Amino acid sequence: MATIKDVAKKAGLSVTTVSRFLNQHPYISDDKREKILSAMKALDYEPSTVAQQMRGIKTHRIGVLISRITNPFFASLVDALEVNARKNGYSVLIIQNHNSPDQEKNCLDLLKKKIIDGLILCSVESDKNVIEKYQKYGPILLCNTSITSSSLPIVRVDDETATRDAIRYLISKGYRKIAYSTGGSFEKTGHGSRRNNGYVTAMNEAGLTIHDEWIFRHMHTYKHGQTIAHNLQSLVQNNRPDAIFAGSDEVACGLMSTLLLHGQRVPEDIAILGFDNLPVAEMLNIPLTTVNQPIDELGRISVEFLLSLINGQRYEYDSALLKSDLVIRESA
């Protein structure tokens, strides 16, 4: 990584002159400014604080990138990450990308500017080549998300198997017309692809038809659940699914409340199955059958793994600790 000395050498100026420029000294000639800026660009140099420029000095701060803090799952996960970071003497800087690659780049730049020592990505919008190039500035770890063909270290539950088993459960209960909600675009790669594969596998195994009009894409929130409910209501009676995998408990809550409001019975008219096992899942009028995610273990292992990367140490964990399981309640 380039230093202030490298910039000075590249610009053909003294370190003192470059330092004055970086500290916005008023008496720097225009030609020297141009030389310094040109050298900084050529060296991909980012100014930092003096302490952070000193080799071996850490900020004892890690970044955590999520899509949005209002998502109850991410709120719980951030809490688990922060608790475990604090136990290890680190603070957490939380950044939301709001599903925007531009916002995500701002977060990655924090690593480049040495504002954080390492970064945990719980949501990914950028191409893998964009993200991987930032590894030269510090360690990056994926938590419960993935990037196709990426070499980044990762901690996650096997949500493909969890989804497959959830759909198999619905099939074992006699449901045959099973709808599906995803946060992505229902492609073989990209956001939500592992869960998509689990759904498709279970449906194909049972010889069941996947109807495109029963696939609900880019669904994330309570309001999206309400939208799904309205769309289901608009279908003719004999063309409605008898069960739906909601993709998240938040979506399931919006879906269930709206269906019940319109006189639908759960699970008699339609079964609803969520994902996450958030506290609200068992508080509903009709407690939600859902897939449990071991959020506390996700938080602990992710933080310990990242800190080992920051300190140049090996880290191994038991993947069995991240096993998800189906919590059977009354909605399916």
Protein backbone atom coordinates (compact mmCIF):
# COMPACT_ATOMS: atom_id res chain seq x y z
CA MET A 1 0.00 0.00 0.00
CA ALA A 2 1.36 3.41 -0.96
CA THR A 3 2.62 5.78 1.74
CA ILE A 4 3.10 9.53 1.91
CA LYS A 5 6.79 8.95 1.13
CA ASP A 6 5.83 7.13 -2.07
CA VAL A 7 3.62 10.04 -3.09
CA ALA A 8 6.41 12.52 -2.43
CA LYS A 9 8.90 10.49 -4.48
CA LYS A 10 6.44 10.06 -7.35
CA ALA A 11 5.65 13.79 -7.38
CA GLY A 12 9.31 14.78 -7.07
CA LEU A 13 8.59 16.81 -3.94
CA SER A 14 9.45 16.64 -0.26
CA VAL A 15 7.38 14.71 2.27
CA THR A 16 6.83 18.00 4.08
CA THR A 17 5.24 19.55 1.00
CA VAL A 18 2.94 16.58 0.49
CA SER A 19 2.02 16.62 4.19
CA ARG A 20 1.14 20.31 3.97
CA PHE A 21 -1.05 19.62 0.95
CA LEU A 22 -2.88 16.80 2.76
CA ASN A 23 -3.46 19.13 5.71
CA GLN A 24 -4.87 21.79 3.39
CA HIS A 25 -2.03 24.24 3.87
CA PRO A 26 -2.91 27.44 1.94
CA TYR A 27 0.57 28.12 0.51
CA ILE A 28 0.95 25.28 -1.99
CA SER A 29 1.45 26.32 -5.60
CA ASP A 30 -0.94 25.08 -8.27
CA ASP A 31 1.77 23.12 -10.11
CA LYS A 32 2.73 21.28 -6.91
CA ARG A 33 -0.92 20.51 -6.21
CA GLU A 34 -1.25 18.99 -9.67
CA LYS A 35 1.88 16.88 -9.20
CA ILE A 36 0.67 15.59 -5.83
CA LEU A 37 -2.83 14.79 -7.09
CA SER A 38 -1.39 13.01 -10.12
CA ALA A 39 0.95 10.95 -7.92
CA MET A 40 -1.88 10.03 -5.50
CA LYS A 41 -4.03 8.87 -8.41
CA ALA A 42 -1.21 6.84 -9.99
CA LEU A 43 -0.41 5.14 -6.68
CA ASP A 44 -4.08 4.70 -5.67
CA TYR A 45 -3.18 6.53 -2.46
CA GLU A 46 -5.85 7.41 0.12
CA PRO A 47 -4.92 9.87 2.89
CA SER A 48 -5.39 8.60 6.40
CA THR A 49 -4.72 9.74 9.92
CA VAL A 50 -1.12 9.70 11.13
CA ALA A 51 -1.81 6.89 13.59
CA GLN A 52 -3.46 4.79 10.93
CA GLN A 53 -0.52 5.27 8.59
CA MET A 54 1.83 3.80 11.18
CA ARG A 55 2.50 0.18 10.40
CA GLY A 56 0.84 -2.24 12.80
CA ILE A 57 -1.58 0.24 14.38
CA LYS A 58 -5.24 -0.86 14.26
CA THR A 59 -8.48 1.07 14.65
CA HIS A 60 -10.11 -1.81 16.59
CA ARG A 61 -13.19 -1.18 14.52
CA ILE A 62 -14.86 -3.47 12.00
CA GLY A 63 -17.49 -2.65 9.40
CA VAL A 64 -20.72 -4.56 8.92
CA LEU A 65 -22.64 -4.08 5.68
CA ILE A 66 -26.34 -4.98 5.56
CA SER A 67 -29.14 -4.17 3.14
CA ARG A 68 -31.33 -2.34 5.68
CA ILE A 69 -31.43 -2.21 9.46
CA THR A 70 -35.25 -2.23 9.45
CA ASN A 71 -35.16 -5.87 8.34
CA PRO A 72 -35.73 -7.77 11.62
CA PHE A 73 -33.30 -10.53 10.63
CA PHE A 74 -30.47 -8.07 9.99
CA ALA A 75 -31.27 -6.23 13.21
CA SER A 76 -30.85 -9.49 15.15
CA LEU A 77 -27.71 -10.42 13.23
CA VAL A 78 -26.11 -7.01 13.78
CA ASP A 79 -26.83 -7.33 17.49
CA ALA A 80 -25.08 -10.72 17.59
CA LEU A 81 -22.10 -9.35 15.62
CA GLU A 82 -21.78 -6.27 17.83
CA VAL A 83 -21.98 -8.25 21.07
CA ASN A 84 -19.19 -10.57 19.96
CA ALA A 85 -17.05 -7.76 18.56
CA ARG A 86 -17.31 -5.90 21.87
CA LYS A 87 -16.25 -9.03 23.76
CA ASN A 88 -13.07 -8.97 21.69
CA GLY A 89 -12.35 -5.28 22.17
CA TYR A 90 -13.74 -4.08 18.84
CA SER A 91 -16.47 -1.62 17.95
CA VAL A 92 -18.79 -2.01 14.96
CA LEU A 93 -19.59 0.48 12.23
CA ILE A 94 -22.92 -0.43 10.58
CA ILE A 95 -23.53 0.53 6.96
CA GLN A 96 -26.67 -0.04 4.88
CA ASN A 97 -26.44 -0.47 1.11
CA HIS A 98 -30.23 -0.32 0.48
CA ASN A 99 -29.63 -2.77 -2.38
CA SER A 100 -27.41 -0.19 -4.10
CA PRO A 101 -23.94 -1.01 -5.51
CA ASP A 102 -22.97 2.68 -5.14
CA GLN A 103 -23.72 2.66 -1.41
CA GLU A 104 -21.80 -0.59 -1.14
CA LYS A 105 -18.71 1.01 -2.71
CA ASN A 106 -18.82 3.76 -0.08
CA CYS A 107 -18.60 1.04 2.53
CA LEU A 108 -15.69 -0.68 0.79
CA ASP A 109 -13.89 2.66 0.64
CA LEU A 110 -13.92 2.74 4.46
CA LEU A 111 -11.59 -0.25 4.34
CA LYS A 112 -9.41 1.51 1.79
CA LYS A 113 -9.22 4.63 3.95
CA LYS A 114 -8.31 2.55 7.02
CA ILE A 115 -11.36 3.70 8.95
CA ILE A 116 -12.03 0.01 9.67
CA ASP A 117 -9.67 -2.95 10.09
CA GLY A 118 -11.93 -5.47 8.36
CA LEU A 119 -15.35 -5.83 6.82
CA ILE A 120 -18.23 -8.30 7.18
CA LEU A 121 -20.59 -8.31 4.21
CA CYS A 122 -24.09 -9.56 5.09
CA SER A 123 -25.50 -8.31 1.80
CA VAL A 124 -23.84 -8.07 -1.62
CA GLU A 125 -24.85 -6.06 -4.67
CA SER A 126 -21.52 -5.52 -6.47
CA ASP A 127 -19.69 -7.80 -8.88
CA LYS A 128 -17.13 -10.10 -7.28
CA ASN A 129 -14.25 -8.42 -9.13
CA VAL A 130 -15.21 -5.08 -7.57
CA ILE A 131 -15.27 -6.50 -4.06
CA GLU A 132 -12.27 -8.80 -4.26
CA LYS A 133 -9.88 -6.01 -5.29
CA TYR A 134 -10.52 -4.36 -1.91
CA GLN A 135 -8.95 -7.32 -0.10
CA LYS A 136 -5.56 -5.63 -0.51
CA TYR A 137 -6.74 -3.01 1.99
CA GLY A 138 -7.91 -5.48 4.64
CA PRO A 139 -9.83 -8.73 5.16
CA ILE A 140 -13.40 -9.10 3.88
CA LEU A 141 -15.69 -11.89 5.07
CA LEU A 142 -19.11 -12.93 3.74
CA CYS A 143 -21.73 -13.64 6.40
CA ASN A 144 -24.81 -15.60 5.32
CA THR A 145 -24.50 -14.38 1.76
CA SER A 146 -22.39 -15.50 -1.17
CA ILE A 147 -20.76 -14.43 -4.42
CA THR A 148 -20.56 -16.95 -7.25
CA SER A 149 -17.02 -18.27 -7.83
CA SER A 150 -15.55 -15.95 -5.22
CA SER A 151 -12.49 -16.76 -3.11
CA LEU A 152 -13.68 -14.62 -0.19
CA PRO A 153 -13.94 -16.42 3.17
CA ILE A 154 -17.53 -17.19 4.09
CA VAL A 155 -19.69 -18.12 7.08
CA ARG A 156 -23.25 -19.19 6.31
CA VAL A 157 -26.02 -21.66 6.96
CA ASP A 158 -26.90 -24.20 4.28
CA ASP A 159 -30.08 -22.43 3.22
CA GLU A 160 -30.34 -24.49 0.04
CA THR A 161 -30.81 -27.66 2.09
CA ALA A 162 -33.03 -25.80 4.57
CA THR A 163 -35.32 -24.60 1.78
CA ARG A 164 -35.43 -28.02 0.13
CA ASP A 165 -36.37 -29.64 3.45
CA ALA A 166 -39.03 -26.98 4.09
CA ILE A 167 -40.66 -27.63 0.70
CA ARG A 168 -40.41 -31.37 1.30
CA TYR A 169 -42.27 -30.84 4.58
CA LEU A 170 -45.09 -29.01 2.79
CA ILE A 171 -45.29 -31.83 0.26
CA SER A 172 -45.39 -34.43 3.05
CA LYS A 173 -48.40 -32.58 4.50
CA GLY A 174 -50.26 -33.02 1.22
CA TYR A 175 -49.67 -29.63 -0.40
CA ARG A 176 -49.06 -29.80 -4.15
CA LYS A 177 -49.57 -26.25 -5.46
CA ILE A 178 -46.68 -24.50 -3.76
CA ALA A 179 -45.86 -20.84 -4.44
CA TYR A 180 -42.47 -19.29 -3.74
CA SER A 181 -41.23 -15.84 -2.71
CA THR A 182 -37.63 -14.70 -3.13
CA GLY A 183 -35.63 -11.56 -2.47
CA GLY A 184 -33.90 -11.98 -5.82
CA SER A 185 -34.93 -12.53 -9.42
CA PHE A 186 -35.27 -16.33 -9.24
CA GLU A 187 -32.17 -16.98 -11.33
CA LYS A 188 -29.74 -19.89 -11.07
CA THR A 189 -27.05 -17.51 -9.82
CA GLY A 190 -27.14 -14.32 -7.80
CA HIS A 191 -29.21 -13.22 -4.83
CA GLY A 192 -31.22 -16.06 -3.28
CA SER A 193 -30.01 -18.64 -5.78
CA ARG A 194 -29.25 -21.30 -3.17
CA ARG A 195 -32.79 -21.17 -1.81
CA ASN A 196 -34.13 -21.14 -5.37
CA ASN A 197 -32.20 -24.35 -6.04
CA GLY A 198 -33.64 -25.93 -2.90
CA TYR A 199 -37.18 -25.09 -3.96
CA VAL A 200 -36.71 -26.32 -7.52
CA THR A 201 -35.05 -29.55 -6.36
CA ALA A 202 -37.87 -30.45 -3.98
CA MET A 203 -40.57 -29.63 -6.53
CA ASN A 204 -38.84 -31.64 -9.26
CA GLU A 205 -38.31 -34.60 -6.94
CA ALA A 206 -42.05 -34.71 -6.29
CA GLY A 207 -42.94 -34.21 -9.94
CA LEU A 208 -44.76 -30.98 -9.15
CA THR A 209 -45.24 -28.10 -11.58
CA ILE A 210 -43.57 -24.74 -10.93
CA HIS A 211 -45.94 -22.00 -12.12
CA ASP A 212 -44.24 -18.71 -12.97
CA GLU A 213 -47.27 -16.72 -11.78
CA TRP A 214 -46.72 -18.29 -8.34
CA ILE A 215 -43.10 -17.07 -8.17
CA PHE A 216 -42.85 -13.70 -6.41
CA ARG A 217 -39.58 -11.88 -7.06
CA HIS A 218 -37.73 -9.12 -5.18
CA MET A 219 -39.85 -9.52 -2.06
CA HIS A 220 -38.22 -8.27 1.17
CA THR A 221 -40.64 -6.43 3.44
CA TYR A 222 -43.94 -6.62 5.31
CA LYS A 223 -45.53 -4.51 2.55
CA HIS A 224 -44.21 -6.94 -0.04
CA GLY A 225 -46.03 -9.69 1.84
CA GLN A 226 -49.21 -7.65 1.56
CA THR A 227 -48.58 -7.30 -2.19
CA ILE A 228 -48.24 -11.07 -2.55
CA ALA A 229 -51.53 -11.55 -0.70
CA HIS A 230 -53.34 -9.16 -3.05
CA ASN A 231 -51.83 -10.91 -6.06
CA LEU A 232 -52.97 -14.29 -4.77
CA GLN A 233 -56.47 -12.90 -4.18
CA SER A 234 -56.61 -11.74 -7.79
CA LEU A 235 -56.11 -15.27 -9.11
CA VAL A 236 -59.18 -17.31 -9.99
CA GLN A 237 -60.09 -19.72 -7.23
CA ASN A 238 -59.01 -22.92 -8.97
CA ASN A 239 -55.66 -21.38 -9.94
CA ARG A 240 -54.48 -20.40 -6.47
CA PRO A 241 -51.65 -22.16 -4.64
CA ASP A 242 -52.44 -24.14 -1.50
CA ALA A 243 -49.12 -23.27 0.18
CA ILE A 244 -46.36 -20.68 -0.07
CA PHE A 245 -42.76 -20.48 1.03
CA ALA A 246 -42.60 -16.81 2.02
CA GLY A 247 -38.81 -16.41 1.95
CA SER A 248 -38.66 -14.53 5.27
CA ASP A 249 -40.73 -14.13 8.41
CA GLU A 250 -41.19 -10.44 7.65
CA VAL A 251 -42.79 -11.19 4.28
CA ALA A 252 -44.80 -14.02 5.86
CA CYS A 253 -46.25 -11.63 8.45
CA GLY A 254 -47.49 -9.19 5.81
CA LEU A 255 -48.85 -12.04 3.76
CA MET A 256 -50.68 -13.70 6.62
CA SER A 257 -52.23 -10.54 8.07
CA THR A 258 -53.63 -9.50 4.68
CA LEU A 259 -55.00 -12.93 3.81
CA LEU A 260 -56.72 -13.22 7.20
CA LEU A 261 -58.16 -9.73 6.77
CA HIS A 262 -59.76 -10.89 3.51
CA GLY A 263 -61.33 -13.95 5.06
CA GLN A 264 -58.74 -16.53 4.05
CA ARG A 265 -57.99 -19.33 6.49
CA VAL A 266 -54.44 -20.32 7.36
CA PRO A 267 -53.52 -23.12 6.86
CA GLU A 268 -56.87 -24.48 5.64
CA ASP A 269 -57.03 -22.31 2.50
CA ILE A 270 -53.30 -21.69 2.18
CA ALA A 271 -50.34 -22.78 4.28
CA ILE A 272 -47.58 -20.25 4.96
CA LEU A 273 -43.97 -21.13 5.72
CA GLY A 274 -41.40 -18.50 6.71
CA PHE A 275 -37.64 -18.31 7.08
CA ASP A 276 -35.53 -16.92 9.99
CA ASN A 277 -37.57 -17.84 13.13
CA LEU A 278 -37.69 -14.27 14.38
CA PRO A 279 -39.32 -13.70 17.81
CA VAL A 280 -42.49 -12.39 16.14
CA ALA A 281 -43.02 -15.77 14.42
CA GLU A 282 -44.49 -17.36 17.54
CA MET A 283 -46.41 -14.23 18.58
CA LEU A 284 -48.78 -14.17 15.63
CA ASN A 285 -52.44 -15.12 16.00
CA ILE A 286 -51.55 -18.17 13.97
CA PRO A 287 -47.95 -19.02 15.00
CA LEU A 288 -45.69 -19.29 11.98
CA THR A 289 -44.01 -22.47 10.80
CA THR A 290 -40.54 -21.31 9.79
CA VAL A 291 -36.90 -22.22 9.27
CA ASN A 292 -34.72 -21.38 12.25
CA GLN A 293 -31.39 -19.67 11.60
CA PRO A 294 -28.72 -19.87 14.35
CA ILE A 295 -28.18 -16.10 14.46
CA ASP A 296 -26.09 -16.02 17.66
CA GLU A 297 -23.65 -18.58 16.25
CA LEU A 298 -23.53 -16.76 12.92
CA GLY A 299 -22.52 -13.60 14.77
CA ARG A 300 -19.94 -15.25 17.00
CA ILE A 301 -18.22 -17.29 14.29
CA SER A 302 -18.19 -14.42 11.78
CA VAL A 303 -16.54 -12.02 14.22
CA GLU A 304 -13.99 -14.56 15.43
CA PHE A 305 -13.16 -15.52 11.84
CA LEU A 306 -12.70 -11.89 10.74
CA LEU A 307 -10.51 -11.05 13.73
CA SER A 308 -8.32 -14.05 12.99
CA LEU A 309 -7.89 -12.74 9.44
CA ILE A 310 -7.01 -9.27 10.77
CA ASN A 311 -4.38 -10.83 13.06
CA GLY A 312 -3.04 -13.24 10.44
CA GLN A 313 -4.17 -16.34 12.32
CA ARG A 314 -5.85 -19.55 11.20
CA TYR A 315 -9.45 -20.14 12.18
CA GLU A 316 -11.62 -23.23 11.95
CA TYR A 317 -15.19 -23.77 13.09
CA ASP A 318 -17.68 -26.61 13.30
CA SER A 319 -20.21 -26.16 10.48
CA ALA A 320 -22.68 -28.26 12.49
CA LEU A 321 -23.12 -25.21 14.75
CA LEU A 322 -24.72 -23.40 11.79
CA LYS A 323 -27.29 -26.06 11.01
CA SER A 324 -30.79 -24.71 10.43
CA ASP A 325 -33.92 -26.58 11.39
CA LEU A 326 -37.64 -26.39 10.72
CA VAL A 327 -39.79 -25.07 13.56
CA ILE A 328 -43.28 -26.50 13.09
CA ARG A 329 -46.15 -24.37 14.34
CA GLU A 330 -49.74 -23.81 13.16
CA SER A 331 -49.41 -21.96 9.83
CA ALA A 332 -48.38 -25.09 7.87
